Amino acid sequence: MNHAALRSPTQDIVVDGAFPHAPEAFWKALTTGELIGRWLQMTPTGFEPVNGTRFTFQTTPAGVWDGVIRCRVLETVPNERLAYAWSSGHAANVGYGSPMDTVVTWSLAAAEGGGTRLRLVHSGFLLPKNETAFNNMGQGWKKVVRNLDVVAAEQTLEISRR
């Protein structure tokens, strides 16, 4: 058996870390449209943290792809888990803007010693078709999580003032 036969047909991006903020602070940042726009640098249109809700993001168009990312909330467990489908691209594009049907899952858990263990899994990249997106987003999600940390810190302060 060759090693290629053992490889999964899809690849996942995983970003995992521990942060000093409560899960509630991350949850608010993950489920409030204006806050999502700040850490993701794309504000969702039509987002609500309700299973089945369809919403979109707008990014840079490419070729015949209009730059719209179509999403649907798949799972919400307050302060623990948020998952949504993430579909984009156009069949006529190769590289940036090629078709992609993936899932973004955010998991939150209490971290040892306080704070939150945050895990982002963006799953379902078909390689080599989605290689450009996989490589770009692999680096991009690390920056997004750093931005999310900043927004969650602000939410922690807001929560403590109540």
C-alpha atoms as a PDB file:
ATOM      1  CA  MET A   1       0.000   0.000   0.000  1.00  0.00           C
ATOM      2  CA  ASN A   2       1.401   3.410  -0.846  1.00  0.00           C
ATOM      3  CA  HIS A   3       1.386   6.320   1.588  1.00  0.00           C
ATOM      4  CA  ALA A   4      -0.924   8.429  -0.604  1.00  0.00           C
ATOM      5  CA  ALA A   5      -3.669   5.845  -0.055  1.00  0.00           C
ATOM      6  CA  LEU A   6      -3.412   6.441   3.707  1.00  0.00           C
ATOM      7  CA  ARG A   7      -3.875  10.222   3.442  1.00  0.00           C
ATOM      8  CA  SER A   8      -7.274  11.724   4.107  1.00  0.00           C
ATOM      9  CA  PRO A   9      -8.941  13.259   1.040  1.00  0.00           C
ATOM     10  CA  THR A  10      -9.515  16.416   3.127  1.00  0.00           C
ATOM     11  CA  GLN A  11      -7.292  18.499   5.361  1.00  0.00           C
ATOM     12  CA  ASP A  12      -8.120  20.575   8.416  1.00  0.00           C
ATOM     13  CA  ILE A  13      -6.703  23.772   9.865  1.00  0.00           C
ATOM     14  CA  VAL A  14      -6.438  23.625  13.654  1.00  0.00           C
ATOM     15  CA  VAL A  15      -5.586  26.532  15.959  1.00  0.00           C
ATOM     16  CA  ASP A  16      -5.556  25.703  19.653  1.00  0.00           C
ATOM     17  CA  GLY A  17      -4.580  27.767  22.674  1.00  0.00           C
ATOM     18  CA  ALA A  18      -5.276  28.776  26.263  1.00  0.00           C
ATOM     19  CA  PHE A  19      -6.333  32.330  27.066  1.00  0.00           C
ATOM     20  CA  PRO A  20      -6.994  34.155  30.358  1.00  0.00           C
ATOM     21  CA  HIS A  21     -10.571  35.168  29.458  1.00  0.00           C
ATOM     22  CA  ALA A  22     -13.763  33.388  30.508  1.00  0.00           C
ATOM     23  CA  PRO A  23     -15.653  31.279  27.943  1.00  0.00           C
ATOM     24  CA  GLU A  24     -18.522  33.815  28.176  1.00  0.00           C
ATOM     25  CA  ALA A  25     -16.231  36.572  26.843  1.00  0.00           C
ATOM     26  CA  PHE A  26     -15.223  34.442  23.861  1.00  0.00           C
ATOM     27  CA  TRP A  27     -18.831  33.409  23.274  1.00  0.00           C
ATOM     28  CA  LYS A  28     -19.978  37.017  23.088  1.00  0.00           C
ATOM     29  CA  ALA A  29     -17.146  37.817  20.650  1.00  0.00           C
ATOM     30  CA  LEU A  30     -17.986  34.755  18.525  1.00  0.00           C
ATOM     31  CA  THR A  31     -21.736  35.417  18.374  1.00  0.00           C
ATOM     32  CA  THR A  32     -22.130  39.200  18.067  1.00  0.00           C
ATOM     33  CA  GLY A  33     -22.084  40.465  14.470  1.00  0.00           C
ATOM     34  CA  GLU A  34     -20.259  43.735  15.166  1.00  0.00           C
ATOM     35  CA  LEU A  35     -17.604  41.936  17.243  1.00  0.00           C
ATOM     36  CA  ILE A  36     -17.162  39.229  14.586  1.00  0.00           C
ATOM     37  CA  GLY A  37     -16.462  42.015  12.116  1.00  0.00           C
ATOM     38  CA  ARG A  38     -13.687  43.327  14.361  1.00  0.00           C
ATOM     39  CA  TRP A  39     -11.758  40.091  14.889  1.00  0.00           C
ATOM     40  CA  LEU A  40     -12.465  38.471  11.504  1.00  0.00           C
ATOM     41  CA  GLN A  41     -12.284  41.758   9.593  1.00  0.00           C
ATOM     42  CA  MET A  42     -15.410  40.722   7.704  1.00  0.00           C
ATOM     43  CA  THR A  43     -18.785  41.656   9.195  1.00  0.00           C
ATOM     44  CA  PRO A  44     -21.436  38.965   8.708  1.00  0.00           C
ATOM     45  CA  THR A  45     -24.751  39.784   7.060  1.00  0.00           C
ATOM     46  CA  GLY A  46     -27.737  37.995   8.582  1.00  0.00           C
ATOM     47  CA  PHE A  47     -25.832  36.181  11.342  1.00  0.00           C
ATOM     48  CA  GLU A  48     -27.650  34.937  14.435  1.00  0.00           C
ATOM     49  CA  PRO A  49     -26.310  32.185  16.715  1.00  0.00           C
ATOM     50  CA  VAL A  50     -29.322  29.976  15.939  1.00  0.00           C
ATOM     51  CA  ASN A  51     -29.081  26.569  14.289  1.00  0.00           C
ATOM     52  CA  GLY A  52     -30.043  26.749  10.626  1.00  0.00           C
ATOM     53  CA  THR A  53     -29.465  30.506  10.248  1.00  0.00           C
ATOM     54  CA  ARG A  54     -27.960  31.385   6.878  1.00  0.00           C
ATOM     55  CA  PHE A  55     -25.562  34.309   6.661  1.00  0.00           C
ATOM     56  CA  THR A  56     -22.793  35.657   4.455  1.00  0.00           C
ATOM     57  CA  PHE A  57     -19.406  37.322   4.558  1.00  0.00           C
ATOM     58  CA  GLN A  58     -17.984  39.458   1.750  1.00  0.00           C
ATOM     59  CA  THR A  59     -14.307  39.191   0.837  1.00  0.00           C
ATOM     60  CA  THR A  60     -12.193  40.069  -2.184  1.00  0.00           C
ATOM     61  CA  PRO A  61     -13.731  38.712  -5.411  1.00  0.00           C
ATOM     62  CA  ALA A  62     -11.581  36.659  -7.780  1.00  0.00           C
ATOM     63  CA  GLY A  63     -12.225  35.734 -11.396  1.00  0.00           C
ATOM     64  CA  VAL A  64     -15.905  34.885 -11.744  1.00  0.00           C
ATOM     65  CA  TRP A  65     -16.326  34.383  -7.965  1.00  0.00           C
ATOM     66  CA  ASP A  66     -18.159  37.330  -6.394  1.00  0.00           C
ATOM     67  CA  GLY A  67     -16.285  37.058  -3.068  1.00  0.00           C
ATOM     68  CA  VAL A  68     -19.388  36.000  -1.117  1.00  0.00           C
ATOM     69  CA  ILE A  69     -18.866  33.327   1.532  1.00  0.00           C
ATOM     70  CA  ARG A  70     -22.159  31.564   2.222  1.00  0.00           C
ATOM     71  CA  CYS A  71     -22.553  30.137   5.693  1.00  0.00           C
ATOM     72  CA  ARG A  72     -25.139  28.262   7.742  1.00  0.00           C
ATOM     73  CA  VAL A  73     -25.096  27.758  11.505  1.00  0.00           C
ATOM     74  CA  LEU A  74     -24.830  24.026  12.180  1.00  0.00           C
ATOM     75  CA  GLU A  75     -24.493  23.895  15.959  1.00  0.00           C
ATOM     76  CA  THR A  76     -24.688  26.235  18.936  1.00  0.00           C
ATOM     77  CA  VAL A  77     -23.977  25.269  22.517  1.00  0.00           C
ATOM     78  CA  PRO A  78     -23.678  28.550  24.456  1.00  0.00           C
ATOM     79  CA  ASN A  79     -20.212  29.142  25.921  1.00  0.00           C
ATOM     80  CA  GLU A  80     -19.012  25.786  24.525  1.00  0.00           C
ATOM     81  CA  ARG A  81     -19.355  25.268  20.779  1.00  0.00           C
ATOM     82  CA  LEU A  82     -20.277  27.094  17.579  1.00  0.00           C
ATOM     83  CA  ALA A  83     -20.090  25.452  14.148  1.00  0.00           C
ATOM     84  CA  TYR A  84     -21.028  26.772  10.742  1.00  0.00           C
ATOM     85  CA  ALA A  85     -20.763  25.654   7.133  1.00  0.00           C
ATOM     86  CA  TRP A  86     -18.460  27.876   5.033  1.00  0.00           C
ATOM     87  CA  SER A  87     -18.944  27.674   1.248  1.00  0.00           C
ATOM     88  CA  SER A  88     -17.338  29.874  -1.351  1.00  0.00           C
ATOM     89  CA  GLY A  89     -15.754  30.052  -4.758  1.00  0.00           C
ATOM     90  CA  HIS A  90     -16.766  29.351  -8.328  1.00  0.00           C
ATOM     91  CA  ALA A  91     -16.166  26.275 -10.486  1.00  0.00           C
ATOM     92  CA  ALA A  92     -14.468  28.374 -13.183  1.00  0.00           C
ATOM     93  CA  ASN A  93     -11.735  29.506 -10.759  1.00  0.00           C
ATOM     94  CA  VAL A  94      -8.475  27.738 -10.033  1.00  0.00           C
ATOM     95  CA  GLY A  95      -6.450  28.725  -6.962  1.00  0.00           C
ATOM     96  CA  TYR A  96      -7.898  31.674  -5.057  1.00  0.00           C
ATOM     97  CA  GLY A  97     -11.664  31.619  -5.488  1.00  0.00           C
ATOM     98  CA  SER A  98     -11.984  27.936  -6.382  1.00  0.00           C
ATOM     99  CA  PRO A  99     -15.051  26.128  -4.937  1.00  0.00           C
ATOM    100  CA  MET A 100     -14.824  25.233  -1.278  1.00  0.00           C
ATOM    101  CA  ASP A 101     -17.329  23.566   1.080  1.00  0.00           C
ATOM    102  CA  THR A 102     -15.906  23.457   4.591  1.00  0.00           C
ATOM    103  CA  VAL A 103     -16.945  23.723   8.247  1.00  0.00           C
ATOM    104  CA  VAL A 104     -15.660  26.150  10.887  1.00  0.00           C
ATOM    105  CA  THR A 105     -15.964  24.892  14.469  1.00  0.00           C
ATOM    106  CA  TRP A 106     -15.126  26.903  17.577  1.00  0.00           C
ATOM    107  CA  SER A 107     -14.838  24.945  20.838  1.00  0.00           C
ATOM    108  CA  LEU A 108     -14.501  26.566  24.251  1.00  0.00           C
ATOM    109  CA  ALA A 109     -13.634  24.810  27.501  1.00  0.00           C
ATOM    110  CA  ALA A 110     -12.518  25.949  30.924  1.00  0.00           C
ATOM    111  CA  ALA A 111      -8.724  25.951  31.035  1.00  0.00           C
ATOM    112  CA  GLU A 112      -6.768  24.535  33.918  1.00  0.00           C
ATOM    113  CA  GLY A 113      -5.988  27.398  36.279  1.00  0.00           C
ATOM    114  CA  GLY A 114      -8.769  29.580  34.854  1.00  0.00           C
ATOM    115  CA  GLY A 115      -9.489  31.132  31.500  1.00  0.00           C
ATOM    116  CA  THR A 116     -10.456  29.293  28.337  1.00  0.00           C
ATOM    117  CA  ARG A 117      -9.034  26.612  26.099  1.00  0.00           C
ATOM    118  CA  LEU A 118     -10.074  27.724  22.604  1.00  0.00           C
ATOM    119  CA  ARG A 119      -9.885  25.386  19.637  1.00  0.00           C
ATOM    120  CA  LEU A 120     -10.688  26.371  16.072  1.00  0.00           C
ATOM    121  CA  VAL A 121     -11.022  23.645  13.452  1.00  0.00           C
ATOM    122  CA  HIS A 122     -11.669  24.663   9.850  1.00  0.00           C
ATOM    123  CA  SER A 123     -12.279  21.286   8.233  1.00  0.00           C
ATOM    124  CA  GLY A 124     -12.919  19.828   4.816  1.00  0.00           C
ATOM    125  CA  PHE A 125     -10.297  21.344   2.515  1.00  0.00           C
ATOM    126  CA  LEU A 126      -9.993  19.181  -0.598  1.00  0.00           C
ATOM    127  CA  LEU A 127      -6.381  19.117  -1.764  1.00  0.00           C
ATOM    128  CA  PRO A 128      -5.040  20.006  -4.236  1.00  0.00           C
ATOM    129  CA  LYS A 129      -8.217  21.869  -5.342  1.00  0.00           C
ATOM    130  CA  ASN A 130      -8.369  23.995  -2.140  1.00  0.00           C
ATOM    131  CA  GLU A 131      -4.609  24.234  -1.605  1.00  0.00           C
ATOM    132  CA  THR A 132      -4.474  28.020  -2.059  1.00  0.00           C
ATOM    133  CA  ALA A 133      -7.273  28.558   0.479  1.00  0.00           C
ATOM    134  CA  PHE A 134      -5.791  25.982   2.854  1.00  0.00           C
ATOM    135  CA  ASN A 135      -2.375  27.677   2.842  1.00  0.00           C
ATOM    136  CA  ASN A 136      -3.704  31.248   3.042  1.00  0.00           C
ATOM    137  CA  MET A 137      -6.310  30.486   5.671  1.00  0.00           C
ATOM    138  CA  GLY A 138      -3.889  28.368   7.693  1.00  0.00           C
ATOM    139  CA  GLN A 139      -1.845  31.510   8.321  1.00  0.00           C
ATOM    140  CA  GLY A 140      -4.883  33.783   8.412  1.00  0.00           C
ATOM    141  CA  TRP A 141      -6.720  31.901  11.173  1.00  0.00           C
ATOM    142  CA  LYS A 142      -3.704  32.310  13.490  1.00  0.00           C
ATOM    143  CA  LYS A 143      -3.977  36.089  13.085  1.00  0.00           C
ATOM    144  CA  VAL A 144      -7.757  35.925  13.495  1.00  0.00           C
ATOM    145  CA  VAL A 145      -7.399  34.067  16.815  1.00  0.00           C
ATOM    146  CA  ARG A 146      -4.980  36.763  18.039  1.00  0.00           C
ATOM    147  CA  ASN A 147      -7.579  39.409  17.065  1.00  0.00           C
ATOM    148  CA  LEU A 148     -10.288  37.361  18.795  1.00  0.00           C
ATOM    149  CA  ASP A 149      -8.148  37.309  21.964  1.00  0.00           C
ATOM    150  CA  VAL A 150      -8.067  41.133  21.956  1.00  0.00           C
ATOM    151  CA  VAL A 151     -11.856  41.386  21.510  1.00  0.00           C
ATOM    152  CA  ALA A 152     -12.445  38.737  24.217  1.00  0.00           C
ATOM    153  CA  ALA A 153     -10.219  40.728  26.596  1.00  0.00           C
ATOM    154  CA  GLU A 154     -12.449  43.773  26.018  1.00  0.00           C
ATOM    155  CA  GLN A 155     -15.533  41.647  26.674  1.00  0.00           C
ATOM    156  CA  THR A 156     -13.967  40.371  29.915  1.00  0.00           C
ATOM    157  CA  LEU A 157     -13.662  43.967  31.103  1.00  0.00           C
ATOM    158  CA  GLU A 158     -17.258  44.669  30.110  1.00  0.00           C
ATOM    159  CA  ILE A 159     -18.514  41.555  31.930  1.00  0.00           C
ATOM    160  CA  SER A 160     -16.559  42.480  35.087  1.00  0.00           C
ATOM    161  CA  ARG A 161     -18.168  45.959  35.141  1.00  0.00           C
ATOM    162  CA  ARG A 162     -21.675  44.513  35.435  1.00  0.00           C
END
